[in-house]
Amino acid sequence: LQSQQTQLQLQTTSLQNEQEALQQQKQLFHQTQEQTQQQQQHTLSQLEHQIQEKTSALQSLSQKANVTQEQLTRWTVDAKKIRSSIKSQLRTAEQELTSYQDQLTQVKQE
């Protein structure tokens, strides 16, 4: 009976040791899981920050492109106005030249 009791105590101690080892493994697993989640959260935060930076840069470029497009449109309109004005001045100058030539012809005939 005493031998059986000693064997039961040994088995109990062995099971307790196994249980403790499993408990430690469980704790280690939870700690590792928590660290992994923290690392993932940190990585996610970094990625979100980078996305925000890239989005801001894209918006800035888009605004600059819009401004440039507006300038090009204004310059095109201005260039057309200037061209029209020059054509008008040329017509006026041609008319004046023709008028002077006619007058000169009349003076020579007289």
C-alpha atoms as a PDB file:
ATOM      1  CA  LEU A   1       0.000   0.000   0.000  1.00  0.00           C
ATOM      2  CA  GLN A   2       2.815   2.347   0.860  1.00  0.00           C
ATOM      3  CA  SER A   3       4.540   1.553  -2.391  1.00  0.00           C
ATOM      4  CA  GLN A   4       1.318   2.334  -4.278  1.00  0.00           C
ATOM      5  CA  GLN A   5       1.000   5.608  -2.375  1.00  0.00           C
ATOM      6  CA  THR A   6       4.602   6.536  -3.246  1.00  0.00           C
ATOM      7  CA  GLN A   7       3.940   5.707  -6.909  1.00  0.00           C
ATOM      8  CA  LEU A   8       0.763   7.818  -6.890  1.00  0.00           C
ATOM      9  CA  GLN A   9       2.702  10.719  -5.362  1.00  0.00           C
ATOM     10  CA  LEU A  10       5.364  10.378  -8.076  1.00  0.00           C
ATOM     11  CA  GLN A  11       2.689  10.298 -10.762  1.00  0.00           C
ATOM     12  CA  THR A  12       0.952  13.284  -9.161  1.00  0.00           C
ATOM     13  CA  THR A  13       4.220  15.227  -9.043  1.00  0.00           C
ATOM     14  CA  SER A  14       4.948  14.284 -12.655  1.00  0.00           C
ATOM     15  CA  LEU A  15       1.486  15.411 -13.756  1.00  0.00           C
ATOM     16  CA  GLN A  16       1.857  18.634 -11.780  1.00  0.00           C
ATOM     17  CA  ASN A  17       5.196  19.294 -13.494  1.00  0.00           C
ATOM     18  CA  GLU A  18       3.641  18.621 -16.907  1.00  0.00           C
ATOM     19  CA  GLN A  19       0.725  20.871 -16.041  1.00  0.00           C
ATOM     20  CA  GLU A  20       3.114  23.657 -14.983  1.00  0.00           C
ATOM     21  CA  ALA A  21       5.159  23.239 -18.168  1.00  0.00           C
ATOM     22  CA  LEU A  22       1.968  23.446 -20.254  1.00  0.00           C
ATOM     23  CA  GLN A  23       0.884  26.532 -18.299  1.00  0.00           C
ATOM     24  CA  GLN A  24       4.268  28.172 -19.064  1.00  0.00           C
ATOM     25  CA  GLN A  25       3.923  27.258 -22.752  1.00  0.00           C
ATOM     26  CA  LYS A  26       0.457  28.780 -22.753  1.00  0.00           C
ATOM     27  CA  GLN A  27       1.807  31.998 -21.190  1.00  0.00           C
ATOM     28  CA  LEU A  28       4.660  32.114 -23.688  1.00  0.00           C
ATOM     29  CA  PHE A  29       2.202  31.597 -26.536  1.00  0.00           C
ATOM     30  CA  HIS A  30       0.036  34.489 -25.299  1.00  0.00           C
ATOM     31  CA  GLN A  31       3.080  36.752 -24.885  1.00  0.00           C
ATOM     32  CA  THR A  32       4.287  35.892 -28.394  1.00  0.00           C
ATOM     33  CA  GLN A  33       0.797  36.435 -29.781  1.00  0.00           C
ATOM     34  CA  GLU A  34       0.601  39.832 -28.064  1.00  0.00           C
ATOM     35  CA  GLN A  35       4.044  40.871 -29.367  1.00  0.00           C
ATOM     36  CA  THR A  36       3.073  39.792 -32.880  1.00  0.00           C
ATOM     37  CA  GLN A  37      -0.130  41.848 -32.685  1.00  0.00           C
ATOM     38  CA  GLN A  38       1.825  44.880 -31.449  1.00  0.00           C
ATOM     39  CA  GLN A  39       4.346  44.507 -34.281  1.00  0.00           C
ATOM     40  CA  GLN A  40       1.544  44.149 -36.829  1.00  0.00           C
ATOM     41  CA  GLN A  41      -0.206  47.221 -35.404  1.00  0.00           C
ATOM     42  CA  HIS A  42       3.060  49.189 -35.581  1.00  0.00           C
ATOM     43  CA  THR A  43       3.657  48.069 -39.176  1.00  0.00           C
ATOM     44  CA  LEU A  44       0.065  48.945 -40.070  1.00  0.00           C
ATOM     45  CA  SER A  45       0.477  52.419 -38.542  1.00  0.00           C
ATOM     46  CA  GLN A  46       3.668  52.966 -40.541  1.00  0.00           C
ATOM     47  CA  LEU A  47       1.948  51.891 -43.756  1.00  0.00           C
ATOM     48  CA  GLU A  48      -1.019  54.163 -43.083  1.00  0.00           C
ATOM     49  CA  HIS A  49       1.377  57.070 -42.469  1.00  0.00           C
ATOM     50  CA  GLN A  50       3.193  56.357 -45.750  1.00  0.00           C
ATOM     51  CA  ILE A  51      -0.131  56.158 -47.587  1.00  0.00           C
ATOM     52  CA  GLN A  52      -1.118  59.549 -46.143  1.00  0.00           C
ATOM     53  CA  GLU A  53       2.205  61.072 -47.246  1.00  0.00           C
ATOM     54  CA  LYS A  54       1.839  59.672 -50.782  1.00  0.00           C
ATOM     55  CA  THR A  55      -1.785  60.834 -50.950  1.00  0.00           C
ATOM     56  CA  SER A  56      -0.761  64.362 -49.922  1.00  0.00           C
ATOM     57  CA  ALA A  57       2.043  64.380 -52.488  1.00  0.00           C
ATOM     58  CA  LEU A  58      -0.378  63.232 -55.201  1.00  0.00           C
ATOM     59  CA  GLN A  59      -2.910  65.908 -54.256  1.00  0.00           C
ATOM     60  CA  SER A  60      -0.185  68.550 -54.370  1.00  0.00           C
ATOM     61  CA  LEU A  61       0.960  67.377 -57.812  1.00  0.00           C
ATOM     62  CA  SER A  62      -2.633  67.309 -59.009  1.00  0.00           C
ATOM     63  CA  GLN A  63      -3.170  70.894 -57.836  1.00  0.00           C
ATOM     64  CA  LYS A  64       0.051  72.008 -59.552  1.00  0.00           C
ATOM     65  CA  ALA A  65      -1.034  70.246 -62.740  1.00  0.00           C
ATOM     66  CA  ASN A  66      -4.415  72.017 -62.580  1.00  0.00           C
ATOM     67  CA  VAL A  67      -2.714  75.387 -62.096  1.00  0.00           C
ATOM     68  CA  THR A  68      -0.373  74.672 -65.002  1.00  0.00           C
ATOM     69  CA  GLN A  69      -3.350  73.674 -67.175  1.00  0.00           C
ATOM     70  CA  GLU A  70      -5.139  76.902 -66.234  1.00  0.00           C
ATOM     71  CA  GLN A  71      -2.014  78.931 -67.099  1.00  0.00           C
ATOM     72  CA  LEU A  72      -1.698  77.164 -70.458  1.00  0.00           C
ATOM     73  CA  THR A  73      -5.357  77.877 -71.189  1.00  0.00           C
ATOM     74  CA  ARG A  74      -4.926  81.560 -70.257  1.00  0.00           C
ATOM     75  CA  TRP A  75      -1.748  81.849 -72.349  1.00  0.00           C
ATOM     76  CA  THR A  76      -3.519  80.232 -75.313  1.00  0.00           C
ATOM     77  CA  VAL A  77      -6.418  82.686 -75.008  1.00  0.00           C
ATOM     78  CA  ASP A  78      -3.969  85.609 -74.635  1.00  0.00           C
ATOM     79  CA  ALA A  79      -1.946  84.420 -77.642  1.00  0.00           C
ATOM     80  CA  LYS A  80      -5.134  84.245 -79.768  1.00  0.00           C
ATOM     81  CA  LYS A  81      -6.088  87.780 -78.694  1.00  0.00           C
ATOM     82  CA  ILE A  82      -2.599  89.075 -79.511  1.00  0.00           C
ATOM     83  CA  ARG A  83      -2.656  87.295 -82.890  1.00  0.00           C
ATOM     84  CA  SER A  84      -6.063  88.787 -83.664  1.00  0.00           C
ATOM     85  CA  SER A  85      -4.846  92.236 -82.627  1.00  0.00           C
ATOM     86  CA  ILE A  86      -1.725  91.940 -84.814  1.00  0.00           C
ATOM     87  CA  LYS A  87      -3.838  90.848 -87.807  1.00  0.00           C
ATOM     88  CA  SER A  88      -6.120  93.836 -87.256  1.00  0.00           C
ATOM     89  CA  GLN A  89      -3.131  96.205 -87.019  1.00  0.00           C
ATOM     90  CA  LEU A  90      -1.678  94.671 -90.198  1.00  0.00           C
ATOM     91  CA  ARG A  91      -4.974  95.234 -92.077  1.00  0.00           C
ATOM     92  CA  THR A  92      -5.062  98.827 -90.840  1.00  0.00           C
ATOM     93  CA  ALA A  93      -1.422  99.348 -91.884  1.00  0.00           C
ATOM     94  CA  GLU A  94      -2.122  97.810 -95.322  1.00  0.00           C
ATOM     95  CA  GLN A  95      -5.140 100.093 -95.762  1.00  0.00           C
ATOM     96  CA  GLU A  96      -3.082 103.128 -94.763  1.00  0.00           C
ATOM     97  CA  LEU A  97      -0.302 102.083 -97.128  1.00  0.00           C
ATOM     98  CA  THR A  98      -2.768 101.640 -99.982  1.00  0.00           C
ATOM     99  CA  SER A  99      -4.259 105.053 -99.191  1.00  0.00           C
ATOM    100  CA  TYR A 100      -0.787 106.690 -99.205  1.00  0.00           C
ATOM    101  CA  GLN A 101       0.063 104.965-102.493  1.00  0.00           C
ATOM    102  CA  ASP A 102      -3.193 106.236-104.031  1.00  0.00           C
ATOM    103  CA  GLN A 103      -2.427 109.747-102.814  1.00  0.00           C
ATOM    104  CA  LEU A 104       1.101 109.510-104.174  1.00  0.00           C
ATOM    105  CA  THR A 105      -0.229 108.338-107.532  1.00  0.00           C
ATOM    106  CA  GLN A 106      -2.664 111.303-107.612  1.00  0.00           C
ATOM    107  CA  VAL A 107       0.102 113.753-106.754  1.00  0.00           C
ATOM    108  CA  LYS A 108       2.322 112.358-109.512  1.00  0.00           C
ATOM    109  CA  GLN A 109      -0.509 112.650-112.052  1.00  0.00           C
ATOM    110  CA  GLU A 110      -1.089 116.264-111.161  1.00  0.00           C
END
